[in-house]
Amino acid sequence: MSSKVDLEYLSYVCKEEHHHKERVLGKFITTFDKIRKDATVDSAIREHVNSVHGLLQLIKDDDRNLIMHPEKFLDRDGSIYVLDKCKAAIVTMAEKL
């Protein structure tokens, strides 16, 4: 996640009951999952959060969980691919700020 984009985006899309300040990928995914299922949240925000949620879930499932194991190494191409997914998530969040 980016330096301030993640918390600014969270503040932008969240109602107070969803808001937290912990910068943990799993908590962001859980929070965004609640928002995209919350019918009281504006549909345009829910749709955008759905996109961000999908990107973060992909990063977590396909990359982060695997990389956390010491026997897993990324080669140059793999590193660039992970970085590109992270950049896509950051840019998607930033476009709403």
PDB file of N, CA and C in Angstrom:
ATOM      1  N   MET A   1       0.837  -1.170   0.000  1.00  0.00           N
ATOM      2  CA  MET A   1       0.000   0.000   0.000  1.00  0.00           C
ATOM      3  C   MET A   1       0.889   1.243   0.000  1.00  0.00           C
ATOM      4  N   SER A   2       0.324   2.319  -0.430  1.00  0.00           N
ATOM      5  CA  SER A   2       1.067   3.564  -0.517  1.00  0.00           C
ATOM      6  C   SER A   2       1.092   4.277   0.827  1.00  0.00           C
ATOM      7  N   SER A   3       1.926   5.294   0.931  1.00  0.00           N
ATOM      8  CA  SER A   3       2.140   5.982   2.193  1.00  0.00           C
ATOM      9  C   SER A   3       0.856   6.507   2.831  1.00  0.00           C
ATOM     10  N   LYS A   4       0.078   7.305   2.112  1.00  0.00           N
ATOM     11  CA  LYS A   4      -1.139   7.854   2.693  1.00  0.00           C
ATOM     12  C   LYS A   4      -2.381   7.505   1.885  1.00  0.00           C
ATOM     13  N   VAL A   5      -2.199   7.004   0.684  1.00  0.00           N
ATOM     14  CA  VAL A   5      -3.346   6.739  -0.189  1.00  0.00           C
ATOM     15  C   VAL A   5      -4.298   5.752   0.458  1.00  0.00           C
ATOM     16  N   ASP A   6      -3.769   4.710   1.094  1.00  0.00           N
ATOM     17  CA  ASP A   6      -4.643   3.694   1.658  1.00  0.00           C
ATOM     18  C   ASP A   6      -5.566   4.262   2.728  1.00  0.00           C
ATOM     19  N   LEU A   7      -5.042   5.036   3.671  1.00  0.00           N
ATOM     20  CA  LEU A   7      -5.888   5.591   4.729  1.00  0.00           C
ATOM     21  C   LEU A   7      -6.800   6.701   4.218  1.00  0.00           C
ATOM     22  N   GLU A   8      -6.333   7.492   3.263  1.00  0.00           N
ATOM     23  CA  GLU A   8      -7.190   8.525   2.684  1.00  0.00           C
ATOM     24  C   GLU A   8      -8.350   7.880   1.921  1.00  0.00           C
ATOM     25  N   TYR A   9      -8.053   6.825   1.185  1.00  0.00           N
ATOM     26  CA  TYR A   9      -9.108   6.127   0.449  1.00  0.00           C
ATOM     27  C   TYR A   9     -10.101   5.511   1.428  1.00  0.00           C
ATOM     28  N   LEU A  10      -9.598   4.895   2.477  1.00  0.00           N
ATOM     29  CA  LEU A  10     -10.461   4.288   3.484  1.00  0.00           C
ATOM     30  C   LEU A  10     -11.376   5.342   4.098  1.00  0.00           C
ATOM     31  N   SER A  11     -10.835   6.507   4.415  1.00  0.00           N
ATOM     32  CA  SER A  11     -11.653   7.592   4.962  1.00  0.00           C
ATOM     33  C   SER A  11     -12.702   8.056   3.952  1.00  0.00           C
ATOM     34  N   TYR A  12     -12.332   8.068   2.683  1.00  0.00           N
ATOM     35  CA  TYR A  12     -13.248   8.513   1.625  1.00  0.00           C
ATOM     36  C   TYR A  12     -14.441   7.573   1.476  1.00  0.00           C
ATOM     37  N   VAL A  13     -14.208   6.278   1.499  1.00  0.00           N
ATOM     38  CA  VAL A  13     -15.270   5.317   1.198  1.00  0.00           C
ATOM     39  C   VAL A  13     -15.998   4.795   2.427  1.00  0.00           C
ATOM     40  N   CYS A  14     -15.430   4.965   3.599  1.00  0.00           N
ATOM     41  CA  CYS A  14     -15.983   4.330   4.794  1.00  0.00           C
ATOM     42  C   CYS A  14     -16.946   5.204   5.558  1.00  0.00           C
ATOM     43  N   LYS A  15     -17.959   4.539   6.062  1.00  0.00           N
ATOM     44  CA  LYS A  15     -18.756   5.136   7.114  1.00  0.00           C
ATOM     45  C   LYS A  15     -17.984   4.895   8.406  1.00  0.00           C
ATOM     46  N   GLU A  16     -18.342   5.596   9.413  1.00  0.00           N
ATOM     47  CA  GLU A  16     -17.609   5.502  10.676  1.00  0.00           C
ATOM     48  C   GLU A  16     -17.545   4.069  11.208  1.00  0.00           C
ATOM     49  N   GLU A  17     -18.622   3.293  11.044  1.00  0.00           N
ATOM     50  CA  GLU A  17     -18.622   1.929  11.605  1.00  0.00           C
ATOM     51  C   GLU A  17     -17.658   0.996  10.881  1.00  0.00           C
ATOM     52  N   HIS A  18     -17.255   1.347   9.675  1.00  0.00           N
ATOM     53  CA  HIS A  18     -16.302   0.520   8.939  1.00  0.00           C
ATOM     54  C   HIS A  18     -14.870   0.991   9.125  1.00  0.00           C
ATOM     55  N   HIS A  19     -14.696   2.195   9.631  1.00  0.00           N
ATOM     56  CA  HIS A  19     -13.370   2.824   9.626  1.00  0.00           C
ATOM     57  C   HIS A  19     -12.453   2.242  10.692  1.00  0.00           C
ATOM     58  N   HIS A  20     -11.204   2.092  10.338  1.00  0.00           N
ATOM     59  CA  HIS A  20     -10.137   1.701  11.267  1.00  0.00           C
ATOM     60  C   HIS A  20      -8.851   2.323  10.767  1.00  0.00           C
ATOM     61  N   LYS A  21      -7.868   2.345  11.601  1.00  0.00           N
ATOM     62  CA  LYS A  21      -6.604   2.961  11.201  1.00  0.00           C
ATOM     63  C   LYS A  21      -5.468   1.946  11.099  1.00  0.00           C
ATOM     64  N   GLU A  22      -5.781   0.687  11.270  1.00  0.00           N
ATOM     65  CA  GLU A  22      -4.739  -0.329  11.148  1.00  0.00           C
ATOM     66  C   GLU A  22      -4.401  -0.521   9.678  1.00  0.00           C
ATOM     67  N   ARG A  23      -3.122  -0.592   9.392  1.00  0.00           N
ATOM     68  CA  ARG A  23      -2.672  -0.735   8.007  1.00  0.00           C
ATOM     69  C   ARG A  23      -2.257  -2.180   7.767  1.00  0.00           C
ATOM     70  N   VAL A  24      -3.266  -3.050   7.784  1.00  0.00           N
ATOM     71  CA  VAL A  24      -3.057  -4.481   7.608  1.00  0.00           C
ATOM     72  C   VAL A  24      -3.897  -4.914   6.404  1.00  0.00           C
ATOM     73  N   LEU A  25      -3.270  -5.588   5.467  1.00  0.00           N
ATOM     74  CA  LEU A  25      -3.948  -5.961   4.225  1.00  0.00           C
ATOM     75  C   LEU A  25      -5.241  -6.723   4.488  1.00  0.00           C
ATOM     76  N   GLY A  26      -5.215  -7.684   5.365  1.00  0.00           N
ATOM     77  CA  GLY A  26      -6.415  -8.465   5.668  1.00  0.00           C
ATOM     78  C   GLY A  26      -7.553  -7.610   6.200  1.00  0.00           C
ATOM     79  N   LYS A  27      -7.231  -6.611   7.016  1.00  0.00           N
ATOM     80  CA  LYS A  27      -8.267  -5.716   7.561  1.00  0.00           C
ATOM     81  C   LYS A  27      -8.853  -4.824   6.470  1.00  0.00           C
ATOM     82  N   PHE A  28      -8.002  -4.357   5.544  1.00  0.00           N
ATOM     83  CA  PHE A  28      -8.521  -3.574   4.420  1.00  0.00           C
ATOM     84  C   PHE A  28      -9.487  -4.433   3.599  1.00  0.00           C
ATOM     85  N   ILE A  29      -9.111  -5.656   3.313  1.00  0.00           N
ATOM     86  CA  ILE A  29      -9.956  -6.541   2.510  1.00  0.00           C
ATOM     87  C   ILE A  29     -11.273  -6.796   3.218  1.00  0.00           C
ATOM     88  N   THR A  30     -11.227  -7.072   4.519  1.00  0.00           N
ATOM     89  CA  THR A  30     -12.448  -7.307   5.293  1.00  0.00           C
ATOM     90  C   THR A  30     -13.332  -6.065   5.306  1.00  0.00           C
ATOM     91  N   THR A  31     -12.725  -4.906   5.509  1.00  0.00           N
ATOM     92  CA  THR A  31     -13.481  -3.652   5.524  1.00  0.00           C
ATOM     93  C   THR A  31     -14.130  -3.394   4.170  1.00  0.00           C
ATOM     94  N   PHE A  32     -13.368  -3.572   3.095  1.00  0.00           N
ATOM     95  CA  PHE A  32     -13.920  -3.332   1.759  1.00  0.00           C
ATOM     96  C   PHE A  32     -15.002  -4.347   1.428  1.00  0.00           C
ATOM     97  N   ASP A  33     -14.886  -5.562   1.930  1.00  0.00           N
ATOM     98  CA  ASP A  33     -15.923  -6.570   1.718  1.00  0.00           C
ATOM     99  C   ASP A  33     -17.222  -6.133   2.389  1.00  0.00           C
ATOM    100  N   LYS A  34     -17.126  -5.578   3.594  1.00  0.00           N
ATOM    101  CA  LYS A  34     -18.327  -5.080   4.287  1.00  0.00           C
ATOM    102  C   LYS A  34     -18.959  -3.921   3.520  1.00  0.00           C
ATOM    103  N   ILE A  35     -18.129  -3.020   3.023  1.00  0.00           N
ATOM    104  CA  ILE A  35     -18.644  -1.855   2.305  1.00  0.00           C
ATOM    105  C   ILE A  35     -19.356  -2.282   1.025  1.00  0.00           C
ATOM    106  N   ARG A  36     -18.757  -3.208   0.277  1.00  0.00           N
ATOM    107  CA  ARG A  36     -19.376  -3.584  -0.999  1.00  0.00           C
ATOM    108  C   ARG A  36     -20.672  -4.358  -0.801  1.00  0.00           C
ATOM    109  N   LYS A  37     -20.911  -4.880   0.406  1.00  0.00           N
ATOM    110  CA  LYS A  37     -22.159  -5.581   0.712  1.00  0.00           C
ATOM    111  C   LYS A  37     -23.169  -4.694   1.434  1.00  0.00           C
ATOM    112  N   ASP A  38     -22.787  -3.477   1.799  1.00  0.00           N
ATOM    113  CA  ASP A  38     -23.624  -2.562   2.570  1.00  0.00           C
ATOM    114  C   ASP A  38     -24.522  -1.757   1.634  1.00  0.00           C
ATOM    115  N   ALA A  39     -25.801  -2.072   1.632  1.00  0.00           N
ATOM    116  CA  ALA A  39     -26.754  -1.425   0.728  1.00  0.00           C
ATOM    117  C   ALA A  39     -26.955   0.055   1.046  1.00  0.00           C
ATOM    118  N   THR A  40     -26.531   0.505   2.217  1.00  0.00           N
ATOM    119  CA  THR A  40     -26.694   1.924   2.565  1.00  0.00           C
ATOM    120  C   THR A  40     -25.587   2.793   1.981  1.00  0.00           C
ATOM    121  N   VAL A  41     -24.530   2.158   1.465  1.00  0.00           N
ATOM    122  CA  VAL A  41     -23.423   2.891   0.856  1.00  0.00           C
ATOM    123  C   VAL A  41     -23.786   3.185  -0.598  1.00  0.00           C
ATOM    124  N   ASP A  42     -23.439   4.365  -1.065  1.00  0.00           N
ATOM    125  CA  ASP A  42     -23.699   4.776  -2.442  1.00  0.00           C
ATOM    126  C   ASP A  42     -23.227   3.698  -3.417  1.00  0.00           C
ATOM    127  N   SER A  43     -24.034   3.407  -4.425  1.00  0.00           N
ATOM    128  CA  SER A  43     -23.720   2.320  -5.358  1.00  0.00           C
ATOM    129  C   SER A  43     -22.426   2.563  -6.136  1.00  0.00           C
ATOM    130  N   ALA A  44     -22.126   3.817  -6.471  1.00  0.00           N
ATOM    131  CA  ALA A  44     -20.882   4.119  -7.192  1.00  0.00           C
ATOM    132  C   ALA A  44     -19.667   3.826  -6.311  1.00  0.00           C
ATOM    133  N   ILE A  45     -19.769   4.145  -5.040  1.00  0.00           N
ATOM    134  CA  ILE A  45     -18.668   3.842  -4.114  1.00  0.00           C
ATOM    135  C   ILE A  45     -18.541   2.337  -3.948  1.00  0.00           C
ATOM    136  N   ARG A  46     -19.676   1.643  -3.803  1.00  0.00           N
ATOM    137  CA  ARG A  46     -19.623   0.173  -3.663  1.00  0.00           C
ATOM    138  C   ARG A  46     -18.977  -0.469  -4.879  1.00  0.00           C
ATOM    139  N   GLU A  47     -19.301   0.026  -6.065  1.00  0.00           N
ATOM    140  CA  GLU A  47     -18.723  -0.519  -7.297  1.00  0.00           C
ATOM    141  C   GLU A  47     -17.211  -0.286  -7.334  1.00  0.00           C
ATOM    142  N   HIS A  48     -16.795   0.909  -6.955  1.00  0.00           N
ATOM    143  CA  HIS A  48     -15.362   1.209  -6.944  1.00  0.00           C
ATOM    144  C   HIS A  48     -14.640   0.367  -5.891  1.00  0.00           C
ATOM    145  N   VAL A  49     -15.216   0.266  -4.717  1.00  0.00           N
ATOM    146  CA  VAL A  49     -14.626  -0.546  -3.642  1.00  0.00           C
ATOM    147  C   VAL A  49     -14.539  -2.004  -4.085  1.00  0.00           C
ATOM    148  N   ASN A  50     -15.506  -2.453  -4.849  1.00  0.00           N
ATOM    149  CA  ASN A  50     -15.475  -3.824  -5.355  1.00  0.00           C
ATOM    150  C   ASN A  50     -14.234  -4.055  -6.215  1.00  0.00           C
ATOM    151  N   SER A  51     -13.876  -3.074  -7.034  1.00  0.00           N
ATOM    152  CA  SER A  51     -12.668  -3.181  -7.865  1.00  0.00           C
ATOM    153  C   SER A  51     -11.414  -3.240  -7.005  1.00  0.00           C
ATOM    154  N   VAL A  52     -11.338  -2.338  -6.025  1.00  0.00           N
ATOM    155  CA  VAL A  52     -10.175  -2.316  -5.135  1.00  0.00           C
ATOM    156  C   VAL A  52     -10.101  -3.620  -4.333  1.00  0.00           C
ATOM    157  N   HIS A  53     -11.238  -4.067  -3.838  1.00  0.00           N
ATOM    158  CA  HIS A  53     -11.290  -5.315  -3.071  1.00  0.00           C
ATOM    159  C   HIS A  53     -10.734  -6.469  -3.903  1.00  0.00           C
ATOM    160  N   GLY A  54     -11.152  -6.546  -5.165  1.00  0.00           N
ATOM    161  CA  GLY A  54     -10.674  -7.627  -6.031  1.00  0.00           C
ATOM    162  C   GLY A  54      -9.174  -7.588  -6.232  1.00  0.00           C
ATOM    163  N   LEU A  55      -8.633  -6.402  -6.438  1.00  0.00           N
ATOM    164  CA  LEU A  55      -7.179  -6.268  -6.616  1.00  0.00           C
ATOM    165  C   LEU A  55      -6.426  -6.669  -5.352  1.00  0.00           C
ATOM    166  N   LEU A  56      -6.892  -6.193  -4.201  1.00  0.00           N
ATOM    167  CA  LEU A  56      -6.208  -6.524  -2.939  1.00  0.00           C
ATOM    168  C   LEU A  56      -6.321  -8.006  -2.621  1.00  0.00           C
ATOM    169  N   GLN A  57      -7.482  -8.594  -2.890  1.00  0.00           N
ATOM    170  CA  GLN A  57      -7.655 -10.032  -2.639  1.00  0.00           C
ATOM    171  C   GLN A  57      -6.720 -10.842  -3.535  1.00  0.00           C
ATOM    172  N   LEU A  58      -6.572 -10.418  -4.785  1.00  0.00           N
ATOM    173  CA  LEU A  58      -5.660 -11.086  -5.712  1.00  0.00           C
ATOM    174  C   LEU A  58      -4.214 -11.001  -5.219  1.00  0.00           C
ATOM    175  N   ILE A  59      -3.813  -9.802  -4.783  1.00  0.00           N
ATOM    176  CA  ILE A  59      -2.456  -9.629  -4.256  1.00  0.00           C
ATOM    177  C   ILE A  59      -2.242 -10.523  -3.045  1.00  0.00           C
ATOM    178  N   LYS A  60      -3.203 -10.535  -2.146  1.00  0.00           N
ATOM    179  CA  LYS A  60      -3.077 -11.341  -0.921  1.00  0.00           C
ATOM    180  C   LYS A  60      -3.004 -12.829  -1.246  1.00  0.00           C
ATOM    181  N   ASP A  61      -3.947 -13.308  -2.047  1.00  0.00           N
ATOM    182  CA  ASP A  61      -4.025 -14.742  -2.315  1.00  0.00           C
ATOM    183  C   ASP A  61      -2.909 -15.252  -3.221  1.00  0.00           C
ATOM    184  N   ASP A  62      -2.613 -14.500  -4.280  1.00  0.00           N
ATOM    185  CA  ASP A  62      -1.643 -14.982  -5.265  1.00  0.00           C
ATOM    186  C   ASP A  62      -0.199 -14.651  -4.924  1.00  0.00           C
ATOM    187  N   ASP A  63       0.013 -13.615  -4.152  1.00  0.00           N
ATOM    188  CA  ASP A  63       1.385 -13.160  -3.949  1.00  0.00           C
ATOM    189  C   ASP A  63       1.786 -13.089  -2.485  1.00  0.00           C
ATOM    190  N   ARG A  64       1.113 -12.263  -1.720  1.00  0.00           N
ATOM    191  CA  ARG A  64       1.551 -12.003  -0.358  1.00  0.00           C
ATOM    192  C   ARG A  64       1.610 -13.268   0.480  1.00  0.00           C
ATOM    193  N   ASN A  65       0.565 -14.083   0.450  1.00  0.00           N
ATOM    194  CA  ASN A  65       0.562 -15.283   1.278  1.00  0.00           C
ATOM    195  C   ASN A  65       1.696 -16.233   0.903  1.00  0.00           C
ATOM    196  N   LEU A  66       2.009 -16.324  -0.384  1.00  0.00           N
ATOM    197  CA  LEU A  66       3.079 -17.213  -0.823  1.00  0.00           C
ATOM    198  C   LEU A  66       4.463 -16.659  -0.508  1.00  0.00           C
ATOM    199  N   ILE A  67       4.626 -15.359  -0.673  1.00  0.00           N
ATOM    200  CA  ILE A  67       5.932 -14.735  -0.465  1.00  0.00           C
ATOM    201  C   ILE A  67       6.341 -14.754   1.006  1.00  0.00           C
ATOM    202  N   MET A  68       5.376 -14.841   1.891  1.00  0.00           N
ATOM    203  CA  MET A  68       5.680 -14.816   3.321  1.00  0.00           C
ATOM    204  C   MET A  68       6.405 -16.094   3.776  1.00  0.00           C
ATOM    205  N   HIS A  69       6.481 -17.089   2.925  1.00  0.00           N
ATOM    206  CA  HIS A  69       7.184 -18.319   3.270  1.00  0.00           C
ATOM    207  C   HIS A  69       8.638 -18.208   2.830  1.00  0.00           C
ATOM    208  N   PRO A  70       9.579 -18.575   3.709  1.00  0.00           N
ATOM    209  CA  PRO A  70      11.001 -18.374   3.405  1.00  0.00           C
ATOM    210  C   PRO A  70      11.512 -19.156   2.193  1.00  0.00           C
ATOM    211  N   GLU A  71      10.818 -20.223   1.826  1.00  0.00           N
ATOM    212  CA  GLU A  71      11.297 -21.007   0.682  1.00  0.00           C
ATOM    213  C   GLU A  71      10.823 -20.436  -0.661  1.00  0.00           C
ATOM    214  N   LYS A  72       9.975 -19.446  -0.633  1.00  0.00           N
ATOM    215  CA  LYS A  72       9.458 -18.834  -1.858  1.00  0.00           C
ATOM    216  C   LYS A  72      10.302 -17.618  -2.222  1.00  0.00           C
ATOM    217  N   PHE A  73      10.797 -17.596  -3.447  1.00  0.00           N
ATOM    218  CA  PHE A  73      11.576 -16.469  -3.944  1.00  0.00           C
ATOM    219  C   PHE A  73      10.967 -15.976  -5.247  1.00  0.00           C
ATOM    220  N   LEU A  74      11.012 -14.688  -5.433  1.00  0.00           N
ATOM    221  CA  LEU A  74      10.550 -14.116  -6.692  1.00  0.00           C
ATOM    222  C   LEU A  74      11.746 -13.823  -7.575  1.00  0.00           C
ATOM    223  N   ASP A  75      11.616 -14.184  -8.838  1.00  0.00           N
ATOM    224  CA  ASP A  75      12.641 -13.773  -9.786  1.00  0.00           C
ATOM    225  C   ASP A  75      12.302 -12.352 -10.248  1.00  0.00           C
ATOM    226  N   ARG A  76      13.086 -11.825 -11.128  1.00  0.00           N
ATOM    227  CA  ARG A  76      12.896 -10.447 -11.583  1.00  0.00           C
ATOM    228  C   ARG A  76      11.513 -10.234 -12.184  1.00  0.00           C
ATOM    229  N   ASP A  77      11.110 -11.128 -13.080  1.00  0.00           N
ATOM    230  CA  ASP A  77       9.803 -10.989 -13.721  1.00  0.00           C
ATOM    231  C   ASP A  77       8.669 -11.117 -12.711  1.00  0.00           C
ATOM    232  N   GLY A  78       8.800 -12.044 -11.781  1.00  0.00           N
ATOM    233  CA  GLY A  78       7.781 -12.208 -10.742  1.00  0.00           C
ATOM    234  C   GLY A  78       7.664 -10.984  -9.866  1.00  0.00           C
ATOM    235  N   SER A  79       8.792 -10.383  -9.539  1.00  0.00           N
ATOM    236  CA  SER A  79       8.792  -9.168  -8.717  1.00  0.00           C
ATOM    237  C   SER A  79       8.102  -8.013  -9.436  1.00  0.00           C
ATOM    238  N   ILE A  80       8.391  -7.874 -10.722  1.00  0.00           N
ATOM    239  CA  ILE A  80       7.770  -6.810 -11.510  1.00  0.00           C
ATOM    240  C   ILE A  80       6.257  -7.029 -11.593  1.00  0.00           C
ATOM    241  N   TYR A  81       5.844  -8.267 -11.750  1.00  0.00           N
ATOM    242  CA  TYR A  81       4.422  -8.601 -11.839  1.00  0.00           C
ATOM    243  C   TYR A  81       3.701  -8.243 -10.531  1.00  0.00           C
ATOM    244  N   VAL A  82       4.285  -8.586  -9.394  1.00  0.00           N
ATOM    245  CA  VAL A  82       3.688  -8.248  -8.100  1.00  0.00           C
ATOM    246  C   VAL A  82       3.637  -6.730  -7.925  1.00  0.00           C
ATOM    247  N   LEU A  83       4.712  -6.063  -8.249  1.00  0.00           N
ATOM    248  CA  LEU A  83       4.756  -4.607  -8.139  1.00  0.00           C
ATOM    249  C   LEU A  83       3.689  -3.955  -9.015  1.00  0.00           C
ATOM    250  N   ASP A  84       3.497  -4.465 -10.213  1.00  0.00           N
ATOM    251  CA  ASP A  84       2.481  -3.911 -11.111  1.00  0.00           C
ATOM    252  C   ASP A  84       1.076  -4.071 -10.532  1.00  0.00           C
ATOM    253  N   LYS A  85       0.791  -5.195  -9.890  1.00  0.00           N
ATOM    254  CA  LYS A  85      -0.521  -5.381  -9.259  1.00  0.00           C
ATOM    255  C   LYS A  85      -0.706  -4.399  -8.112  1.00  0.00           C
ATOM    256  N   CYS A  86       0.350  -4.193  -7.332  1.00  0.00           N
ATOM    257  CA  CYS A  86       0.283  -3.227  -6.227  1.00  0.00           C
ATOM    258  C   CYS A  86       0.067  -1.814  -6.755  1.00  0.00           C
ATOM    259  N   LYS A  87       0.778  -1.472  -7.826  1.00  0.00           N
ATOM    260  CA  LYS A  87       0.596  -0.142  -8.422  1.00  0.00           C
ATOM    261  C   LYS A  87      -0.828   0.022  -8.937  1.00  0.00           C
ATOM    262  N   ALA A  88      -1.392  -1.018  -9.523  1.00  0.00           N
ATOM    263  CA  ALA A  88      -2.759  -0.945 -10.024  1.00  0.00           C
ATOM    264  C   ALA A  88      -3.740  -0.672  -8.882  1.00  0.00           C
ATOM    265  N   ALA A  89      -3.535  -1.311  -7.752  1.00  0.00           N
ATOM    266  CA  ALA A  89      -4.408  -1.077  -6.593  1.00  0.00           C
ATOM    267  C   ALA A  89      -4.270   0.359  -6.096  1.00  0.00           C
ATOM    268  N   ILE A  90      -3.049   0.852  -6.016  1.00  0.00           N
ATOM    269  CA  ILE A  90      -2.807   2.216  -5.539  1.00  0.00           C
ATOM    270  C   ILE A  90      -3.422   3.239  -6.487  1.00  0.00           C
ATOM    271  N   VAL A  91      -3.208   3.056  -7.775  1.00  0.00           N
ATOM    272  CA  VAL A  91      -3.752   3.993  -8.767  1.00  0.00           C
ATOM    273  C   VAL A  91      -5.277   3.955  -8.740  1.00  0.00           C
ATOM    274  N   THR A  92      -5.870   2.784  -8.602  1.00  0.00           N
ATOM    275  CA  THR A  92      -7.318   2.666  -8.548  1.00  0.00           C
ATOM    276  C   THR A  92      -7.872   3.415  -7.341  1.00  0.00           C
ATOM    277  N   MET A  93      -7.210   3.293  -6.191  1.00  0.00           N
ATOM    278  CA  MET A  93      -7.652   4.040  -5.014  1.00  0.00           C
ATOM    279  C   MET A  93      -7.437   5.542  -5.209  1.00  0.00           C
ATOM    280  N   ALA A  94      -6.274   5.913  -5.711  1.00  0.00           N
ATOM    281  CA  ALA A  94      -5.921   7.331  -5.845  1.00  0.00           C
ATOM    282  C   ALA A  94      -6.838   8.077  -6.794  1.00  0.00           C
ATOM    283  N   GLU A  95      -7.376   7.402  -7.795  1.00  0.00           N
ATOM    284  CA  GLU A  95      -8.225   8.097  -8.761  1.00  0.00           C
ATOM    285  C   GLU A  95      -9.515   8.621  -8.128  1.00  0.00           C
ATOM    286  N   LYS A  96      -9.884   8.122  -6.964  1.00  0.00           N
ATOM    287  CA  LYS A  96     -11.073   8.603  -6.270  1.00  0.00           C
ATOM    288  C   LYS A  96     -10.781   9.698  -5.262  1.00  0.00           C
ATOM    289  N   LEU A  97      -9.514  10.009  -5.052  1.00  0.00           N
ATOM    290  CA  LEU A  97      -9.165  11.003  -4.028  1.00  0.00           C
ATOM    291  C   LEU A  97      -9.032  12.386  -4.612  1.00  0.00           C
TER     292      LEU A  97
END
